[in-house]
Amino acid sequence: METPRIAAKSFTFSNDSDRLQQINSIRQAPVGAQIKRVIDLLLETRQALTPELINEACSVDVNANKAVFESLRKNPKVCYDGKRFSYKSKHDLKDKNQLLSLIREFSEGIPVIDLKDSYPTVMEDLQALKAAGDIWLLSNFDSQEDIAYPNDPRLPSTKVDDELKLFFRRIELPRDMLDIEKDFQKNGIKPATDTAKRRAMAQSQGIQAKSMPKEKKNEIRKRTKLINSHLPELFKSMKG
């Protein structure tokens, strides 16, 4: 296998002292901080790198720090083949066709957060599939919970009785995804999302959920009871 090349940085005598101090600071950092630095490198390069190349690129000496090595080897986002480390996404996808095929396997929807690190242009391909009418991208109140649904023309169309439509539109909707997931579970349905887990992960990484936009005259007010007839207004963001 050809050894991947990492662009080398040039240094002069005047800044060599600063460079050494920076390297020392990196190697004295907590294990978690060093692991994140390596994973960010693997995600950015999408290459299989030896410990020596990792050290050269981001100054984390994997071989010299057993705790870093073992944590990196066992990390679910990392693949180690005995010689090289590489980034491991949840779904092994390479292009838009594979992305569409995967989404079509999840008629109940698949969280975008599980797709976004599959390959570098996956988010652009999701928007392209949406624009082509191949999928739906639905956003809810939690920015971490965007869901991709297949819009498969092979599925048979069904005419719904008007009385059933009216009944559906009068059903009151929970405002929080946690409540929606609880309702699914009560009815023996496994939700495609895990809001509690994702919010905990986002909080641990210092990510704040997007605040709700300021209320406008023509938008649904907070005190309004949400029912299914509000769906067109709730999903206006799909047109963006």
C-alpha atoms as a PDB file:
ATOM      1  CA  MET A   1       0.000   0.000   0.000  1.00  0.00           C
ATOM      2  CA  GLU A   2       1.332   3.410  -0.958  1.00  0.00           C
ATOM      3  CA  THR A   3       2.121   5.563   2.059  1.00  0.00           C
ATOM      4  CA  PRO A   4      -0.192   8.617   2.158  1.00  0.00           C
ATOM      5  CA  ARG A   5       1.495  11.977   2.150  1.00  0.00           C
ATOM      6  CA  ILE A   6       0.711  14.637   4.718  1.00  0.00           C
ATOM      7  CA  ALA A   7       1.660  18.182   3.791  1.00  0.00           C
ATOM      8  CA  ALA A   8       4.719  19.161   5.823  1.00  0.00           C
ATOM      9  CA  LYS A   9       4.898  22.552   7.567  1.00  0.00           C
ATOM     10  CA  SER A  10       8.043  24.648   7.170  1.00  0.00           C
ATOM     11  CA  PHE A  11       9.627  26.284  10.216  1.00  0.00           C
ATOM     12  CA  THR A  12      12.396  28.804  10.721  1.00  0.00           C
ATOM     13  CA  PHE A  13      14.822  29.088  13.614  1.00  0.00           C
ATOM     14  CA  SER A  14      12.861  32.013  15.073  1.00  0.00           C
ATOM     15  CA  ASN A  15       9.630  30.101  15.499  1.00  0.00           C
ATOM     16  CA  ASP A  16      11.127  26.684  16.311  1.00  0.00           C
ATOM     17  CA  SER A  17      10.927  27.389  20.045  1.00  0.00           C
ATOM     18  CA  ASP A  18       7.211  28.181  19.777  1.00  0.00           C
ATOM     19  CA  ARG A  19       6.681  24.993  17.787  1.00  0.00           C
ATOM     20  CA  LEU A  20       8.370  22.856  20.434  1.00  0.00           C
ATOM     21  CA  GLN A  21       6.321  24.484  23.172  1.00  0.00           C
ATOM     22  CA  GLN A  22       3.147  23.792  21.211  1.00  0.00           C
ATOM     23  CA  ILE A  23       4.109  20.138  20.680  1.00  0.00           C
ATOM     24  CA  ASN A  24       4.845  19.739  24.391  1.00  0.00           C
ATOM     25  CA  SER A  25       1.515  21.352  25.268  1.00  0.00           C
ATOM     26  CA  ILE A  26      -0.317  18.926  22.974  1.00  0.00           C
ATOM     27  CA  ARG A  27       1.415  15.875  24.450  1.00  0.00           C
ATOM     28  CA  GLN A  28       0.727  17.028  28.012  1.00  0.00           C
ATOM     29  CA  ALA A  29      -2.977  17.523  27.252  1.00  0.00           C
ATOM     30  CA  PRO A  30      -5.593  15.068  28.615  1.00  0.00           C
ATOM     31  CA  VAL A  31      -6.029  11.818  26.707  1.00  0.00           C
ATOM     32  CA  GLY A  32      -9.471  12.892  25.499  1.00  0.00           C
ATOM     33  CA  ALA A  33      -8.112  16.072  23.951  1.00  0.00           C
ATOM     34  CA  GLN A  34      -5.376  14.150  22.112  1.00  0.00           C
ATOM     35  CA  ILE A  35      -7.889  11.558  20.862  1.00  0.00           C
ATOM     36  CA  LYS A  36     -10.129  14.316  19.496  1.00  0.00           C
ATOM     37  CA  ARG A  37      -7.160  15.859  17.717  1.00  0.00           C
ATOM     38  CA  VAL A  38      -6.357  12.558  16.003  1.00  0.00           C
ATOM     39  CA  ILE A  39      -9.983  11.806  15.087  1.00  0.00           C
ATOM     40  CA  ASP A  40     -10.349  15.287  13.577  1.00  0.00           C
ATOM     41  CA  LEU A  41      -7.256  14.565  11.462  1.00  0.00           C
ATOM     42  CA  LEU A  42      -8.576  11.187  10.304  1.00  0.00           C
ATOM     43  CA  LEU A  43     -11.972  12.701   9.467  1.00  0.00           C
ATOM     44  CA  GLU A  44     -10.391  15.545   7.506  1.00  0.00           C
ATOM     45  CA  THR A  45      -7.911  13.433   5.523  1.00  0.00           C
ATOM     46  CA  ARG A  46      -9.996  10.239   5.135  1.00  0.00           C
ATOM     47  CA  GLN A  47      -6.696   8.378   4.925  1.00  0.00           C
ATOM     48  CA  ALA A  48      -5.266   5.371   6.775  1.00  0.00           C
ATOM     49  CA  LEU A  49      -2.360   6.787   8.767  1.00  0.00           C
ATOM     50  CA  THR A  50       0.448   5.152  10.725  1.00  0.00           C
ATOM     51  CA  PRO A  51       1.287   6.452  14.218  1.00  0.00           C
ATOM     52  CA  GLU A  52       4.351   8.130  12.713  1.00  0.00           C
ATOM     53  CA  LEU A  53       2.255  10.053  10.167  1.00  0.00           C
ATOM     54  CA  ILE A  54      -0.216  11.042  12.872  1.00  0.00           C
ATOM     55  CA  ASN A  55       2.642  12.355  15.007  1.00  0.00           C
ATOM     56  CA  GLU A  56       4.006  14.306  12.050  1.00  0.00           C
ATOM     57  CA  ALA A  57       0.621  15.815  11.148  1.00  0.00           C
ATOM     58  CA  CYS A  58      -0.862  16.721  14.544  1.00  0.00           C
ATOM     59  CA  SER A  59       1.935  16.171  17.095  1.00  0.00           C
ATOM     60  CA  VAL A  60       0.140  13.397  18.985  1.00  0.00           C
ATOM     61  CA  ASP A  61       2.676  10.655  19.697  1.00  0.00           C
ATOM     62  CA  VAL A  62       0.424   7.600  19.665  1.00  0.00           C
ATOM     63  CA  ASN A  63       3.257   5.100  20.151  1.00  0.00           C
ATOM     64  CA  ALA A  64       4.730   6.905  23.161  1.00  0.00           C
ATOM     65  CA  ASN A  65       1.445   7.191  25.061  1.00  0.00           C
ATOM     66  CA  LYS A  66      -0.146   3.821  25.819  1.00  0.00           C
ATOM     67  CA  ALA A  67      -3.395   5.388  27.114  1.00  0.00           C
ATOM     68  CA  VAL A  68      -3.817   7.356  23.884  1.00  0.00           C
ATOM     69  CA  PHE A  69      -3.020   4.312  21.756  1.00  0.00           C
ATOM     70  CA  GLU A  70      -5.482   2.018  23.544  1.00  0.00           C
ATOM     71  CA  SER A  71      -8.247   4.624  23.656  1.00  0.00           C
ATOM     72  CA  LEU A  72      -7.786   5.360  19.976  1.00  0.00           C
ATOM     73  CA  ARG A  73      -7.734   1.666  19.053  1.00  0.00           C
ATOM     74  CA  LYS A  74     -11.025   1.051  20.908  1.00  0.00           C
ATOM     75  CA  ASN A  75     -12.782   4.224  19.775  1.00  0.00           C
ATOM     76  CA  PRO A  76     -15.966   3.478  17.754  1.00  0.00           C
ATOM     77  CA  LYS A  77     -15.060   6.242  15.309  1.00  0.00           C
ATOM     78  CA  VAL A  78     -11.673   4.700  14.533  1.00  0.00           C
ATOM     79  CA  CYS A  79     -10.630   1.609  12.556  1.00  0.00           C
ATOM     80  CA  TYR A  80      -7.226   0.066  13.347  1.00  0.00           C
ATOM     81  CA  ASP A  81      -5.846  -2.661  11.067  1.00  0.00           C
ATOM     82  CA  GLY A  82      -2.771  -3.378  13.155  1.00  0.00           C
ATOM     83  CA  LYS A  83      -0.621  -0.785  11.408  1.00  0.00           C
ATOM     84  CA  ARG A  84      -2.772   2.180  10.430  1.00  0.00           C
ATOM     85  CA  PHE A  85      -5.619   4.186  11.904  1.00  0.00           C
ATOM     86  CA  SER A  86      -8.508   5.474   9.776  1.00  0.00           C
ATOM     87  CA  TYR A  87     -11.842   7.163  10.351  1.00  0.00           C
ATOM     88  CA  LYS A  88     -14.867   4.892  10.765  1.00  0.00           C
ATOM     89  CA  SER A  89     -18.286   6.351   9.999  1.00  0.00           C
ATOM     90  CA  LYS A  90     -21.498   4.666  11.142  1.00  0.00           C
ATOM     91  CA  HIS A  91     -22.469   3.846   7.546  1.00  0.00           C
ATOM     92  CA  ASP A  92     -19.849   2.915   4.954  1.00  0.00           C
ATOM     93  CA  LEU A  93     -21.002   5.049   2.022  1.00  0.00           C
ATOM     94  CA  LYS A  94     -18.998   6.374  -0.903  1.00  0.00           C
ATOM     95  CA  ASP A  95     -21.403   8.330  -3.118  1.00  0.00           C
ATOM     96  CA  LYS A  96     -24.927   9.625  -3.706  1.00  0.00           C
ATOM     97  CA  ASN A  97     -26.232   6.347  -5.150  1.00  0.00           C
ATOM     98  CA  GLN A  98     -25.185   4.390  -2.067  1.00  0.00           C
ATOM     99  CA  LEU A  99     -26.667   7.137   0.120  1.00  0.00           C
ATOM    100  CA  LEU A 100     -30.054   6.898  -1.619  1.00  0.00           C
ATOM    101  CA  SER A 101     -30.036   3.094  -1.417  1.00  0.00           C
ATOM    102  CA  LEU A 102     -29.425   3.252   2.329  1.00  0.00           C
ATOM    103  CA  ILE A 103     -32.183   5.824   2.955  1.00  0.00           C
ATOM    104  CA  ARG A 104     -34.635   3.643   1.017  1.00  0.00           C
ATOM    105  CA  GLU A 105     -33.949   0.839   3.502  1.00  0.00           C
ATOM    106  CA  PHE A 106     -35.329   3.033   6.315  1.00  0.00           C
ATOM    107  CA  SER A 107     -38.966   3.701   5.508  1.00  0.00           C
ATOM    108  CA  GLU A 108     -39.378   5.045   9.063  1.00  0.00           C
ATOM    109  CA  GLY A 109     -36.591   7.573   8.463  1.00  0.00           C
ATOM    110  CA  ILE A 110     -32.899   7.785   9.311  1.00  0.00           C
ATOM    111  CA  PRO A 111     -31.287  10.568  11.399  1.00  0.00           C
ATOM    112  CA  VAL A 112     -29.097  12.900   9.332  1.00  0.00           C
ATOM    113  CA  ILE A 113     -26.604  12.959  12.203  1.00  0.00           C
ATOM    114  CA  ASP A 114     -25.910   9.275  11.436  1.00  0.00           C
ATOM    115  CA  LEU A 115     -25.104  10.150   7.806  1.00  0.00           C
ATOM    116  CA  LYS A 116     -23.237  13.447   7.936  1.00  0.00           C
ATOM    117  CA  ASP A 117     -19.750  11.951   8.443  1.00  0.00           C
ATOM    118  CA  SER A 118     -20.095   9.140   5.871  1.00  0.00           C
ATOM    119  CA  TYR A 119     -18.042  10.953   3.231  1.00  0.00           C
ATOM    120  CA  PRO A 120     -17.009  14.602   2.621  1.00  0.00           C
ATOM    121  CA  THR A 121     -19.849  15.656   0.264  1.00  0.00           C
ATOM    122  CA  VAL A 122     -22.707  13.741   1.909  1.00  0.00           C
ATOM    123  CA  MET A 123     -24.582  16.882   3.035  1.00  0.00           C
ATOM    124  CA  GLU A 124     -24.510  18.312  -0.492  1.00  0.00           C
ATOM    125  CA  ASP A 125     -25.778  14.988  -1.843  1.00  0.00           C
ATOM    126  CA  LEU A 126     -28.631  14.975   0.680  1.00  0.00           C
ATOM    127  CA  GLN A 127     -29.738  18.388  -0.564  1.00  0.00           C
ATOM    128  CA  ALA A 128     -29.420  17.210  -4.177  1.00  0.00           C
ATOM    129  CA  LEU A 129     -31.575  14.143  -3.468  1.00  0.00           C
ATOM    130  CA  LYS A 130     -34.142  16.360  -1.771  1.00  0.00           C
ATOM    131  CA  ALA A 131     -34.191  18.779  -4.724  1.00  0.00           C
ATOM    132  CA  ALA A 132     -34.667  15.846  -7.120  1.00  0.00           C
ATOM    133  CA  GLY A 133     -37.638  14.592  -5.085  1.00  0.00           C
ATOM    134  CA  ASP A 134     -35.930  11.312  -4.155  1.00  0.00           C
ATOM    135  CA  ILE A 135     -36.075  11.937  -0.394  1.00  0.00           C
ATOM    136  CA  TRP A 136     -37.720  14.135   2.220  1.00  0.00           C
ATOM    137  CA  LEU A 137     -35.675  16.050   4.785  1.00  0.00           C
ATOM    138  CA  LEU A 138     -37.868  16.909   7.757  1.00  0.00           C
ATOM    139  CA  SER A 139     -36.736  19.235  10.534  1.00  0.00           C
ATOM    140  CA  ASN A 140     -38.240  19.354  13.996  1.00  0.00           C
ATOM    141  CA  PHE A 141     -37.782  21.579  17.016  1.00  0.00           C
ATOM    142  CA  ASP A 142     -34.443  19.949  17.910  1.00  0.00           C
ATOM    143  CA  SER A 143     -31.756  20.875  15.380  1.00  0.00           C
ATOM    144  CA  GLN A 144     -29.958  17.588  16.108  1.00  0.00           C
ATOM    145  CA  GLU A 145     -32.923  15.545  14.953  1.00  0.00           C
ATOM    146  CA  ASP A 146     -33.251  16.164  11.198  1.00  0.00           C
ATOM    147  CA  ILE A 147     -34.557  12.986   9.563  1.00  0.00           C
ATOM    148  CA  ALA A 148     -34.180  11.742   5.984  1.00  0.00           C
ATOM    149  CA  TYR A 149     -37.155   9.786   4.588  1.00  0.00           C
ATOM    150  CA  PRO A 150     -37.307   7.936   1.265  1.00  0.00           C
ATOM    151  CA  ASN A 151     -39.708   9.234  -1.369  1.00  0.00           C
ATOM    152  CA  ASP A 152     -39.721   6.033  -3.365  1.00  0.00           C
ATOM    153  CA  PRO A 153     -41.920   6.152  -6.497  1.00  0.00           C
ATOM    154  CA  ARG A 154     -42.035   2.341  -6.479  1.00  0.00           C
ATOM    155  CA  LEU A 155     -44.255   2.394  -3.391  1.00  0.00           C
ATOM    156  CA  PRO A 156     -47.978   2.137  -4.234  1.00  0.00           C
ATOM    157  CA  SER A 157     -50.096   5.249  -3.773  1.00  0.00           C
ATOM    158  CA  THR A 158     -53.140   4.994  -1.520  1.00  0.00           C
ATOM    159  CA  LYS A 159     -56.255   7.152  -1.474  1.00  0.00           C
ATOM    160  CA  VAL A 160     -57.174   8.194   2.065  1.00  0.00           C
ATOM    161  CA  ASP A 161     -60.792   8.690   3.105  1.00  0.00           C
ATOM    162  CA  ASP A 162     -61.702  12.340   3.832  1.00  0.00           C
ATOM    163  CA  GLU A 163     -63.131  11.438   7.233  1.00  0.00           C
ATOM    164  CA  LEU A 164     -59.845   9.783   8.210  1.00  0.00           C
ATOM    165  CA  LYS A 165     -57.929  12.878   7.041  1.00  0.00           C
ATOM    166  CA  LEU A 166     -60.124  15.081   9.245  1.00  0.00           C
ATOM    167  CA  PHE A 167     -59.590  12.785  12.227  1.00  0.00           C
ATOM    168  CA  PHE A 168     -55.815  12.843  11.637  1.00  0.00           C
ATOM    169  CA  ARG A 169     -55.664  16.650  11.462  1.00  0.00           C
ATOM    170  CA  ARG A 170     -57.449  16.995  14.789  1.00  0.00           C
ATOM    171  CA  ILE A 171     -54.898  14.900  16.678  1.00  0.00           C
ATOM    172  CA  GLU A 172     -52.894  17.034  19.098  1.00  0.00           C
ATOM    173  CA  LEU A 173     -49.118  16.758  18.707  1.00  0.00           C
ATOM    174  CA  PRO A 174     -46.502  16.818  21.484  1.00  0.00           C
ATOM    175  CA  ARG A 175     -44.100  19.759  21.196  1.00  0.00           C
ATOM    176  CA  ASP A 176     -41.015  17.829  22.327  1.00  0.00           C
ATOM    177  CA  MET A 177     -39.364  14.910  20.490  1.00  0.00           C
ATOM    178  CA  LEU A 178     -38.916  13.123  23.836  1.00  0.00           C
ATOM    179  CA  ASP A 179     -42.702  12.964  24.241  1.00  0.00           C
ATOM    180  CA  ILE A 180     -43.140  11.773  20.650  1.00  0.00           C
ATOM    181  CA  GLU A 181     -40.622   8.970  21.200  1.00  0.00           C
ATOM    182  CA  LYS A 182     -42.377   7.956  24.436  1.00  0.00           C
ATOM    183  CA  ASP A 183     -45.661   7.699  22.538  1.00  0.00           C
ATOM    184  CA  PHE A 184     -43.988   5.488  19.930  1.00  0.00           C
ATOM    185  CA  GLN A 185     -42.589   3.207  22.622  1.00  0.00           C
ATOM    186  CA  LYS A 186     -45.974   2.964  24.388  1.00  0.00           C
ATOM    187  CA  ASN A 187     -47.424   1.660  21.136  1.00  0.00           C
ATOM    188  CA  GLY A 188     -44.637  -0.887  20.634  1.00  0.00           C
ATOM    189  CA  ILE A 189     -42.825   1.113  17.931  1.00  0.00           C
ATOM    190  CA  LYS A 190     -39.072   1.687  18.112  1.00  0.00           C
ATOM    191  CA  PRO A 191     -38.301   5.351  17.301  1.00  0.00           C
ATOM    192  CA  ALA A 192     -35.722   6.102  14.611  1.00  0.00           C
ATOM    193  CA  THR A 193     -34.298   8.797  16.901  1.00  0.00           C
ATOM    194  CA  ASP A 194     -32.888   8.865  20.438  1.00  0.00           C
ATOM    195  CA  THR A 195     -33.321  12.485  21.522  1.00  0.00           C
ATOM    196  CA  ALA A 196     -32.180  11.982  25.121  1.00  0.00           C
ATOM    197  CA  LYS A 197     -28.905  10.382  24.011  1.00  0.00           C
ATOM    198  CA  ARG A 198     -28.238  12.964  21.307  1.00  0.00           C
ATOM    199  CA  ARG A 199     -28.943  15.892  23.600  1.00  0.00           C
ATOM    200  CA  ALA A 200     -26.606  14.438  26.219  1.00  0.00           C
ATOM    201  CA  MET A 201     -23.864  13.995  23.591  1.00  0.00           C
ATOM    202  CA  ALA A 202     -24.405  17.523  22.279  1.00  0.00           C
ATOM    203  CA  GLN A 203     -24.250  18.927  25.812  1.00  0.00           C
ATOM    204  CA  SER A 204     -21.046  17.028  26.583  1.00  0.00           C
ATOM    205  CA  GLN A 205     -19.465  18.530  23.452  1.00  0.00           C
ATOM    206  CA  GLY A 206     -20.637  22.026  24.315  1.00  0.00           C
ATOM    207  CA  ILE A 207     -23.136  22.218  21.441  1.00  0.00           C
ATOM    208  CA  GLN A 208     -26.181  24.334  22.129  1.00  0.00           C
ATOM    209  CA  ALA A 209     -29.487  23.524  20.435  1.00  0.00           C
ATOM    210  CA  LYS A 210     -30.677  26.301  18.166  1.00  0.00           C
ATOM    211  CA  SER A 211     -33.040  28.646  19.923  1.00  0.00           C
ATOM    212  CA  MET A 212     -36.550  29.035  18.594  1.00  0.00           C
ATOM    213  CA  PRO A 213     -36.929  32.052  16.244  1.00  0.00           C
ATOM    214  CA  LYS A 214     -38.773  35.106  17.513  1.00  0.00           C
ATOM    215  CA  GLU A 215     -42.514  34.872  17.174  1.00  0.00           C
ATOM    216  CA  LYS A 216     -44.009  36.435  14.056  1.00  0.00           C
ATOM    217  CA  LYS A 217     -47.608  37.343  13.419  1.00  0.00           C
ATOM    218  CA  ASN A 218     -48.205  34.588  10.894  1.00  0.00           C
ATOM    219  CA  GLU A 219     -46.361  31.868  12.838  1.00  0.00           C
ATOM    220  CA  ILE A 220     -47.762  29.397  15.343  1.00  0.00           C
ATOM    221  CA  ARG A 221     -47.665  30.860  18.855  1.00  0.00           C
ATOM    222  CA  LYS A 222     -46.120  28.897  21.735  1.00  0.00           C
ATOM    223  CA  ARG A 223     -49.439  28.643  23.564  1.00  0.00           C
ATOM    224  CA  THR A 224     -51.180  27.246  20.455  1.00  0.00           C
ATOM    225  CA  LYS A 225     -52.105  23.570  20.709  1.00  0.00           C
ATOM    226  CA  LEU A 226     -50.251  21.806  17.917  1.00  0.00           C
ATOM    227  CA  ILE A 227     -52.327  19.437  15.848  1.00  0.00           C
ATOM    228  CA  ASN A 228     -51.675  17.631  12.583  1.00  0.00           C
ATOM    229  CA  SER A 229     -53.348  20.391  10.594  1.00  0.00           C
ATOM    230  CA  HIS A 230     -50.355  22.561  11.515  1.00  0.00           C
ATOM    231  CA  LEU A 231     -47.932  20.235   9.706  1.00  0.00           C
ATOM    232  CA  PRO A 232     -47.607  22.410   6.569  1.00  0.00           C
ATOM    233  CA  GLU A 233     -46.554  25.375   8.745  1.00  0.00           C
ATOM    234  CA  LEU A 234     -44.232  23.292  10.900  1.00  0.00           C
ATOM    235  CA  PHE A 235     -42.396  21.994   7.849  1.00  0.00           C
ATOM    236  CA  LYS A 236     -42.007  25.309   6.009  1.00  0.00           C
ATOM    237  CA  SER A 237     -38.265  24.897   6.510  1.00  0.00           C
ATOM    238  CA  MET A 238     -38.345  22.020   3.998  1.00  0.00           C
ATOM    239  CA  LYS A 239     -38.680  24.571   1.198  1.00  0.00           C
ATOM    240  CA  GLY A 240     -35.428  26.289   2.145  1.00  0.00           C
END
